[in-house]
Protein backbone atom coordinates (compact mmCIF):
# COMPACT_ATOMS: atom_id res chain seq x y z
CA MET A 1 -73.42 -177.46 -42.00
CA SER A 2 -74.02 -174.87 -39.30
CA MET A 3 -71.81 -172.55 -37.34
CA GLY A 4 -71.95 -172.07 -33.58
CA ILE A 5 -72.62 -168.92 -31.61
CA GLN A 6 -70.50 -166.08 -32.89
CA ARG A 7 -68.10 -164.29 -30.53
CA ASN A 8 -69.37 -161.62 -28.14
CA GLY A 9 -72.95 -162.85 -28.21
CA THR A 10 -73.58 -162.51 -31.94
CA GLY A 11 -76.21 -164.74 -33.43
CA SER A 12 -75.65 -168.05 -35.18
CA ARG A 13 -75.40 -168.02 -38.95
CA GLN A 14 -76.29 -171.05 -41.03
CA HIS A 15 -75.60 -171.55 -44.70
CA GLY A 16 -77.92 -172.61 -47.47
CA GLU A 17 -81.56 -173.23 -46.74
CA ASN A 18 -81.10 -173.00 -42.95
CA ASP A 19 -80.84 -169.19 -43.33
CA ASP A 20 -84.60 -169.17 -43.98
CA ILE A 21 -85.50 -171.19 -40.87
CA CYS A 22 -86.45 -169.49 -37.60
CA PRO A 23 -84.27 -170.88 -34.77
CA VAL A 24 -87.15 -170.50 -32.29
CA CYS A 25 -90.25 -171.94 -33.97
CA ARG A 26 -88.40 -173.76 -36.79
CA SER A 27 -90.71 -172.20 -39.40
CA SER A 28 -89.36 -172.09 -42.93
CA ARG A 29 -89.64 -169.44 -45.59
CA TYR A 30 -90.22 -172.27 -48.05
CA LEU A 31 -93.64 -172.93 -46.43
CA ASN A 32 -94.32 -169.29 -45.59
CA PRO A 33 -92.89 -166.98 -48.31
CA ASN A 34 -94.14 -163.85 -46.49
CA MET A 35 -92.19 -164.59 -43.32
CA ARG A 36 -89.91 -161.76 -42.16
CA PHE A 37 -86.83 -162.14 -39.99
CA LEU A 38 -85.85 -159.54 -37.39
CA VAL A 39 -82.69 -159.04 -35.36
CA ASN A 40 -82.04 -157.29 -32.05
CA PRO A 41 -78.78 -155.30 -31.70
CA GLU A 42 -78.48 -156.57 -28.14
CA CYS A 43 -77.44 -160.10 -29.20
CA TYR A 44 -78.01 -160.19 -33.00
CA HIS A 45 -79.97 -163.45 -32.93
CA LYS A 46 -82.33 -163.74 -35.88
CA MET A 47 -85.95 -164.84 -35.40
CA CYS A 48 -89.19 -164.48 -37.29
CA GLU A 49 -91.66 -161.66 -36.75
CA SER A 50 -94.30 -164.02 -35.34
CA CYS A 51 -91.96 -165.18 -32.58
CA VAL A 52 -91.09 -161.58 -31.74
CA ASP A 53 -94.77 -160.66 -31.42
CA ARG A 54 -95.54 -163.79 -29.39
CA ILE A 55 -92.66 -163.56 -26.92
CA PHE A 56 -92.00 -159.83 -26.48
CA SER A 57 -95.45 -158.24 -26.82
CA ILE A 58 -96.08 -158.33 -23.08
CA GLY A 59 -92.73 -156.83 -22.15
CA PRO A 60 -88.99 -157.49 -21.96
CA ALA A 61 -88.05 -161.16 -21.97
CA PRO A 62 -84.87 -163.28 -22.22
CA CYS A 63 -83.65 -164.25 -25.65
CA PRO A 64 -85.21 -167.62 -26.59
CA VAL A 65 -82.10 -168.82 -28.43
CA ALA A 66 -80.28 -171.50 -26.48
CA GLY A 67 -77.17 -170.24 -24.72
CA CYS A 68 -78.22 -166.55 -24.71
CA ALA A 69 -79.76 -165.07 -21.58
CA ARG A 70 -79.83 -161.38 -22.57
CA THR A 71 -82.98 -159.41 -21.94
CA LEU A 72 -84.54 -158.14 -25.16
CA ARG A 73 -87.25 -155.59 -25.91
CA LYS A 74 -89.62 -155.62 -28.82
CA GLN A 75 -89.05 -152.02 -29.92
CA ARG A 76 -85.37 -152.71 -30.59
CA PHE A 77 -86.03 -155.46 -33.13
CA ARG A 78 -85.46 -154.35 -36.69
CA LYS A 79 -85.02 -155.75 -40.16
CA GLN A 80 -81.62 -157.13 -41.02
CA THR A 81 -79.64 -154.92 -43.40
CA PHE A 82 -76.62 -157.09 -44.24
CA GLU A 83 -76.65 -160.78 -44.97
CA ASP A 84 -73.68 -161.38 -42.64
CA LEU A 85 -74.63 -160.60 -39.04
CA ARG A 86 -71.00 -159.90 -38.18
CA ILE A 87 -71.02 -156.97 -40.59
CA GLU A 88 -74.39 -155.88 -39.17
CA ARG A 89 -72.93 -155.83 -35.66
CA GLU A 90 -69.73 -154.02 -36.70
CA VAL A 91 -71.67 -151.29 -38.51
CA ASP A 92 -73.87 -150.72 -35.44
CA ILE A 93 -70.88 -150.53 -33.10
CA ARG A 94 -69.01 -148.13 -35.34
CA ARG A 95 -72.10 -145.96 -35.67
CA ARG A 96 -72.56 -145.87 -31.88
CA VAL A 97 -68.91 -144.99 -31.23
CA ALA A 98 -68.92 -142.35 -33.99
CA GLN A 99 -71.88 -140.63 -32.34
CA VAL A 100 -69.69 -140.03 -29.28
CA PHE A 101 -66.36 -139.39 -31.02
CA ASN A 102 -67.72 -136.84 -33.47
CA LYS A 103 -65.04 -134.14 -33.46
CA GLN A 104 -63.53 -132.94 -36.73
CA GLU A 105 -59.98 -132.09 -37.71
CA GLU A 106 -60.59 -128.35 -37.44
CA ASP A 107 -61.36 -128.79 -33.72
CA PHE A 108 -57.71 -129.66 -33.01
CA GLU A 109 -54.67 -127.44 -33.05
CA THR A 110 -52.36 -129.98 -34.70
CA LEU A 111 -52.77 -132.93 -37.04
CA ARG A 112 -51.03 -135.23 -34.56
CA ALA A 113 -53.64 -134.47 -31.90
CA TYR A 114 -56.41 -135.30 -34.36
CA ASN A 115 -54.68 -138.56 -35.34
CA ASN A 116 -54.39 -139.52 -31.67
CA TYR A 117 -58.09 -138.86 -31.29
CA LEU A 118 -58.87 -141.12 -34.26
CA GLU A 119 -56.60 -143.80 -32.84
CA GLU A 120 -58.43 -143.70 -29.50
CA MET A 121 -61.74 -144.05 -31.31
CA GLU A 122 -60.49 -147.01 -33.35
CA VAL A 123 -59.09 -148.74 -30.23
CA THR A 124 -62.46 -148.37 -28.52
CA THR A 125 -64.25 -149.79 -31.55
CA PHE A 126 -61.82 -152.70 -31.82
CA ASN A 127 -62.24 -153.61 -28.13
CA LEU A 128 -66.03 -153.68 -28.49
CA LEU A 129 -65.84 -155.74 -31.67
CA GLU A 130 -63.37 -158.30 -30.35
CA GLY A 131 -64.68 -158.50 -26.79
CA ILE A 132 -61.53 -157.06 -25.15
CA ASP A 133 -62.32 -155.43 -21.77
CA VAL A 134 -65.88 -154.77 -22.87
CA ALA A 135 -67.10 -153.64 -19.45
CA ALA A 136 -64.20 -151.22 -18.91
CA THR A 137 -64.52 -149.90 -22.47
CA GLU A 138 -68.27 -149.32 -22.03
CA ARG A 139 -67.64 -147.45 -18.78
CA LYS A 140 -65.00 -145.25 -20.39
CA LEU A 141 -67.30 -144.56 -23.34
CA ALA A 142 -70.20 -143.64 -21.06
CA ALA A 143 -68.00 -141.40 -18.91
CA TYR A 144 -66.62 -139.60 -21.96
CA ALA A 145 -70.14 -139.10 -23.34
CA ALA A 146 -71.31 -137.65 -20.03
CA GLN A 147 -68.34 -135.30 -19.69
CA ASN A 148 -68.59 -134.00 -23.26
CA ALA A 149 -72.36 -134.00 -23.71
CA SER A 150 -72.54 -130.34 -24.77
CA SER A 151 -69.72 -130.55 -27.33
CA ILE A 152 -71.09 -133.84 -28.69
CA SER A 153 -74.51 -132.26 -29.25
CA GLN A 154 -72.94 -129.21 -30.90
CA ASN A 155 -70.81 -131.35 -33.21
CA SER A 156 -73.83 -133.47 -34.08
CA ALA A 157 -75.86 -130.37 -34.94
CA ARG A 158 -72.99 -129.04 -37.03
CA ALA A 159 -72.71 -132.34 -38.90
CA ASN A 160 -76.46 -132.27 -39.58
CA ARG A 161 -76.22 -128.72 -40.91
CA ASP A 162 -73.30 -129.65 -43.15
CA ARG A 163 -75.17 -132.71 -44.43
CA ASN A 164 -78.30 -130.67 -45.13
CA ALA A 165 -76.20 -128.01 -46.86
CA GLN A 166 -74.60 -130.63 -49.08
CA ILE A 167 -77.99 -132.10 -49.96
CA ALA A 168 -79.45 -128.66 -50.69
CA THR A 169 -76.41 -127.70 -52.77
CA ALA A 170 -76.63 -130.92 -54.78
CA ALA A 171 -80.36 -130.36 -55.36
CA ALA A 172 -79.78 -126.74 -56.39
CA ASN A 173 -76.99 -127.75 -58.78
CA LYS A 174 -79.17 -130.45 -60.30
CA GLU A 175 -82.07 -128.05 -60.78
CA GLN A 176 -79.76 -125.40 -62.22
CA ALA A 177 -78.40 -127.97 -64.67
CA LEU A 178 -81.96 -128.74 -65.78
CA LEU A 179 -82.62 -125.03 -66.24
CA ASN A 180 -79.45 -124.61 -68.26
CA ARG A 181 -80.34 -127.59 -70.42
CA SER A 182 -83.84 -126.30 -71.07
CA ALA A 183 -82.48 -122.82 -71.80
CA ALA A 184 -79.98 -124.31 -74.24
CA THR A 185 -82.80 -126.23 -75.95
CA ARG A 186 -84.92 -123.09 -76.26
CA SER A 187 -81.94 -121.16 -77.58
CA SER A 188 -81.26 -123.87 -80.18
CA ILE A 189 -84.88 -123.85 -81.33
CA SER A 190 -84.87 -120.05 -81.47
CA SER A 191 -81.62 -120.01 -83.46
CA LEU A 192 -83.05 -122.52 -85.93
CA ALA A 193 -86.16 -120.42 -86.35
CA GLU A 194 -84.02 -117.31 -86.85
CA ARG A 195 -81.96 -119.03 -89.54
CA GLU A 196 -85.10 -120.18 -91.36
CA GLU A 197 -86.62 -116.71 -91.22
CA SER A 198 -83.35 -115.15 -92.36
CA HIS A 199 -83.23 -117.62 -95.23
CA ARG A 200 -86.76 -116.69 -96.28
CA GLU A 201 -85.97 -112.99 -96.05
CA THR A 202 -82.85 -113.53 -98.15
CA LEU A 203 -84.89 -115.34 -100.83
CA ASP A 204 -87.43 -112.56 -100.80
CA ALA A 205 -84.64 -110.02 -101.17
CA LEU A 206 -83.19 -111.94 -104.11
CA THR A 207 -86.53 -111.98 -105.86
CA ARG A 208 -86.79 -108.23 -105.46
CA ALA A 209 -83.14 -107.62 -106.42
CA GLN A 210 -83.98 -106.81 -110.05
CA LEU A 211 -86.43 -104.08 -109.01
CA SER A 212 -84.38 -102.53 -106.21
CA SER A 213 -81.27 -100.37 -106.06
CA PRO A 214 -78.05 -101.20 -104.18
CA GLU A 215 -79.02 -98.73 -101.48
CA ASP A 216 -82.28 -100.60 -100.91
CA ASP A 217 -80.41 -103.93 -100.67
CA ALA A 218 -78.07 -102.56 -98.01
CA ALA A 219 -80.99 -101.17 -96.04
CA ALA A 220 -82.77 -104.54 -96.23
CA GLN A 221 -79.70 -106.35 -94.95
CA LYS A 222 -79.45 -103.92 -92.03
CA VAL A 223 -83.11 -104.54 -91.16
CA VAL A 224 -82.59 -108.32 -91.25
CA LEU A 225 -79.51 -108.05 -89.02
CA LYS A 226 -81.29 -105.75 -86.59
CA LYS A 227 -84.25 -108.15 -86.27
CA SER A 228 -81.96 -111.11 -85.67
CA THR A 229 -80.01 -109.24 -82.98
CA ALA A 230 -83.21 -108.10 -81.28
CA ARG A 231 -84.61 -111.65 -81.18
CA ARG A 232 -81.38 -113.02 -79.75
CA THR A 233 -81.22 -110.29 -77.10
CA ALA A 234 -84.84 -110.91 -76.10
CA THR A 235 -84.17 -114.64 -75.76
CA GLU A 236 -81.15 -114.08 -73.53
CA ARG A 237 -83.03 -111.54 -71.42
CA ALA A 238 -85.93 -113.95 -70.90
CA ARG A 239 -83.56 -116.75 -69.92
CA ASP A 240 -81.76 -114.55 -67.38
CA LYS A 241 -85.06 -113.37 -65.94
CA HIS A 242 -86.33 -116.93 -65.58
CA SER A 243 -83.14 -118.00 -63.84
CA GLN A 244 -83.29 -115.03 -61.45
CA GLN A 245 -86.93 -115.72 -60.59
CA HIS A 246 -86.08 -119.33 -59.87
CA GLN A 247 -83.25 -118.39 -57.54
CA GLN A 248 -85.46 -115.90 -55.65
CA GLY A 249 -88.50 -118.16 -55.54
CA PRO A 250 -90.20 -119.26 -52.30
CA ASN A 251 -88.87 -122.81 -52.59
CA ALA A 252 -85.24 -121.73 -52.91
CA PRO A 253 -83.25 -122.35 -49.71
CA SER A 254 -82.09 -119.28 -47.86
CA GLU A 255 -78.38 -118.65 -47.71
CA PRO A 256 -77.89 -118.92 -43.91
CA GLU A 257 -79.64 -122.31 -43.73
CA THR A 258 -78.15 -123.83 -46.85
CA PHE A 259 -74.63 -122.62 -47.39
CA LYS A 260 -73.42 -121.62 -43.93
CA ILE A 261 -70.65 -124.03 -42.94
CA GLU A 262 -69.12 -123.66 -39.51
CA GLY A 263 -65.95 -125.07 -38.05
CA LEU A 264 -63.75 -124.65 -41.09
CA LYS A 265 -60.24 -123.31 -40.87
CA ALA A 266 -59.75 -119.66 -41.71
CA VAL A 267 -58.51 -119.21 -45.26
CA VAL A 268 -55.32 -117.15 -45.24
CA ASP A 269 -54.56 -115.33 -48.46
CA ALA A 270 -51.15 -115.89 -49.92
CA PRO A 271 -48.79 -112.97 -49.23
CA VAL A 272 -48.26 -110.61 -52.11
CA GLU A 273 -44.88 -111.20 -53.67
CA LYS A 274 -42.71 -108.14 -53.27
CA ALA A 275 -40.66 -106.64 -56.06
CA TYR A 276 -37.11 -107.91 -56.36
CA ASP A 277 -34.65 -105.87 -54.28
CA PRO A 278 -30.98 -106.60 -55.06
CA PHE A 279 -29.94 -104.94 -51.77
CA SER A 280 -32.33 -107.09 -49.63
CA GLY A 281 -34.02 -104.09 -48.07
CA MET A 282 -30.81 -102.25 -47.15
CA SER A 283 -31.41 -98.50 -47.01
CA PHE A 284 -28.84 -96.04 -48.42
CA SER A 285 -30.61 -92.89 -47.31
CA PRO A 286 -28.51 -90.80 -44.86
CA SER A 287 -29.58 -90.88 -41.23
CA TYR A 288 -27.53 -87.96 -39.87
CA TYR A 289 -28.32 -85.29 -42.43
CA THR A 290 -30.78 -84.33 -45.14
CA LEU A 291 -29.33 -83.74 -48.55
CA GLN A 292 -30.66 -80.54 -50.09
CA SER A 293 -30.90 -79.72 -53.75
CA HIS A 294 -29.25 -76.27 -53.43
CA TYR A 295 -26.49 -74.85 -51.24
CA GLU A 296 -25.35 -71.21 -51.11
CA HIS A 297 -21.60 -70.74 -51.63
CA PRO A 298 -19.56 -68.47 -53.96
CA TRP A 299 -17.56 -71.34 -55.41
CA LEU A 300 -20.74 -73.27 -56.03
CA GLU A 301 -22.25 -70.30 -57.86
CA LYS A 302 -19.20 -70.20 -60.10
CA ALA A 303 -19.45 -73.95 -60.75
CA ARG A 304 -23.08 -73.59 -61.76
CA THR A 305 -22.29 -70.97 -64.40
CA GLU A 306 -18.79 -71.94 -65.59
CA PRO A 307 -19.07 -73.48 -69.08
CA SER A 308 -15.92 -75.53 -68.63
CA ILE A 309 -17.55 -77.31 -65.65
CA VAL A 310 -21.13 -77.80 -66.79
CA ALA A 311 -20.32 -78.49 -70.45
CA GLY A 312 -19.28 -82.06 -69.71
CA GLY A 313 -22.51 -82.81 -67.88
CA TYR A 314 -21.13 -82.41 -64.37
CA ASP A 315 -23.90 -82.30 -61.76
CA LEU A 316 -23.35 -80.42 -58.55
CA ARG A 317 -25.70 -82.82 -56.73
CA GLU A 318 -22.98 -85.48 -56.94
CA TYR A 319 -20.62 -83.06 -55.27
CA TYR A 320 -23.20 -82.32 -52.54
CA GLN A 321 -23.68 -86.02 -51.88
CA ARG A 322 -19.96 -86.86 -51.77
CA THR A 323 -19.08 -83.88 -49.57
CA MET A 324 -21.83 -84.55 -47.01
CA LEU A 325 -20.97 -88.25 -46.93
CA GLU A 326 -17.31 -87.48 -46.23
CA ALA A 327 -18.25 -84.96 -43.56
CA PHE A 328 -20.54 -87.31 -41.64
CA ALA A 329 -18.74 -90.61 -42.34
CA GLY A 330 -17.86 -92.40 -39.11
CA LEU A 331 -19.94 -90.08 -36.97
CA GLY A 332 -21.69 -93.01 -35.26
CA CYS A 333 -18.56 -95.14 -34.89
CA PHE A 334 -16.61 -95.03 -31.60
CA ILE A 335 -13.12 -96.39 -32.11
CA ALA A 336 -12.48 -97.11 -28.45
CA GLU A 337 -15.57 -99.29 -28.09
CA LEU A 338 -14.90 -101.09 -31.34
CA GLY A 339 -11.31 -101.72 -30.29
CA ASP A 340 -12.40 -103.15 -26.93
CA LYS A 341 -14.83 -105.48 -28.58
CA GLU A 342 -12.60 -106.70 -31.39
CA HIS A 343 -9.20 -106.78 -29.61
CA GLY A 344 -7.87 -106.80 -26.09
CA SER A 345 -5.79 -104.02 -24.56
CA GLY A 346 -2.54 -105.85 -25.46
CA ASP A 347 -3.51 -106.10 -29.08
CA ARG A 348 -4.38 -102.41 -29.11
CA MET A 349 -0.95 -101.52 -27.76
CA ILE A 350 0.78 -103.73 -30.32
CA ALA A 351 -1.26 -102.14 -33.10
CA THR A 352 -0.35 -98.66 -31.85
CA GLU A 353 3.36 -99.46 -31.68
CA GLY A 354 3.22 -101.05 -35.14
CA ALA A 355 1.58 -97.97 -36.55
CA ALA A 356 4.22 -95.71 -34.99
CA MET A 357 7.04 -97.81 -36.40
CA ALA A 358 5.42 -97.87 -39.81
CA ALA A 359 5.19 -94.10 -39.72
CA GLY A 360 8.93 -93.97 -38.93
CA GLY A 361 8.45 -91.97 -35.80
CA GLU A 362 10.22 -93.61 -32.86
CA GLY A 363 11.14 -90.23 -31.40
CA GLU A 364 8.81 -88.50 -29.09
CA GLY A 365 7.01 -85.43 -30.19
CA ASP A 366 7.40 -86.05 -33.88
CA ASP A 367 4.52 -84.64 -35.93
CA ILE A 368 3.76 -87.18 -38.56
CA LEU A 369 1.30 -84.82 -40.23
């Protein structure tokens, strides 16, 4: 059973043995096992390589499949990648649209703008896949590609650099893993040899134990330990030197070509957490005066030397602070302005009369002080 022409000019797909039959010359892979089928992304009709050479060697020609009149060229024929030609066509369309819409998230100021860009790209791809306003969509795609040719080429070059950097990084990591594995193997072999040699030296020392003194035994153990440490240090030094030579070798990729990634967002360091302040940054330092550590006054001199005052731990600096605070308290406050802001003139009069009555002075000229 066969299927008809697929939508939007895609080629016909037949099941079973008909997949191996050329729709032009009707040749079968059963009779010719070496026969190759090619497809053209213009209409995605499949035909054998012999028909392609025979029909399109002279120049462009119409598609020989019945019902398709598209002009095809030989250089655009290629081997089919997917078994289903619909998937083949969708992959080609998505690749072509992605070559034009190749901006990244870091090129946009907000995530919503980037999502709108992706939505526009997906709508364009869907219209081309489903045959919805194909001509208008192709014109819009061509106009966008022409207007943004420079940015498209820059983004493509950046994507190629990123891809090459990832490949080089993966290759370097793989090679470094091989070096680490070989170094670990050499270290294991060296450690085994050291243990065997230490074992032999211990046996030799035991055989000579009856003829030697305790001081000689201790010296022999120190020599054995020193040799073992020297061999281990030499092994580690050789491994580090080999790794450094490999990293600085002529085949190692240079840093600007391999690991330089452009277009990424700037990494902002987290702000340093400040120490806890129970007053939330409120300053208690005086703004109208500077508190000194010593003031000249006869009474103050007496207070500094009087045992009855200083014996209890009284500090004159507390007196300085309290006195200066009382002297300058309210210096920056203007009662008239505060009264105008908080209350009207009527309220101020009522407050004044209430204060006079509370003081018990209804008569004029009374000195309440």
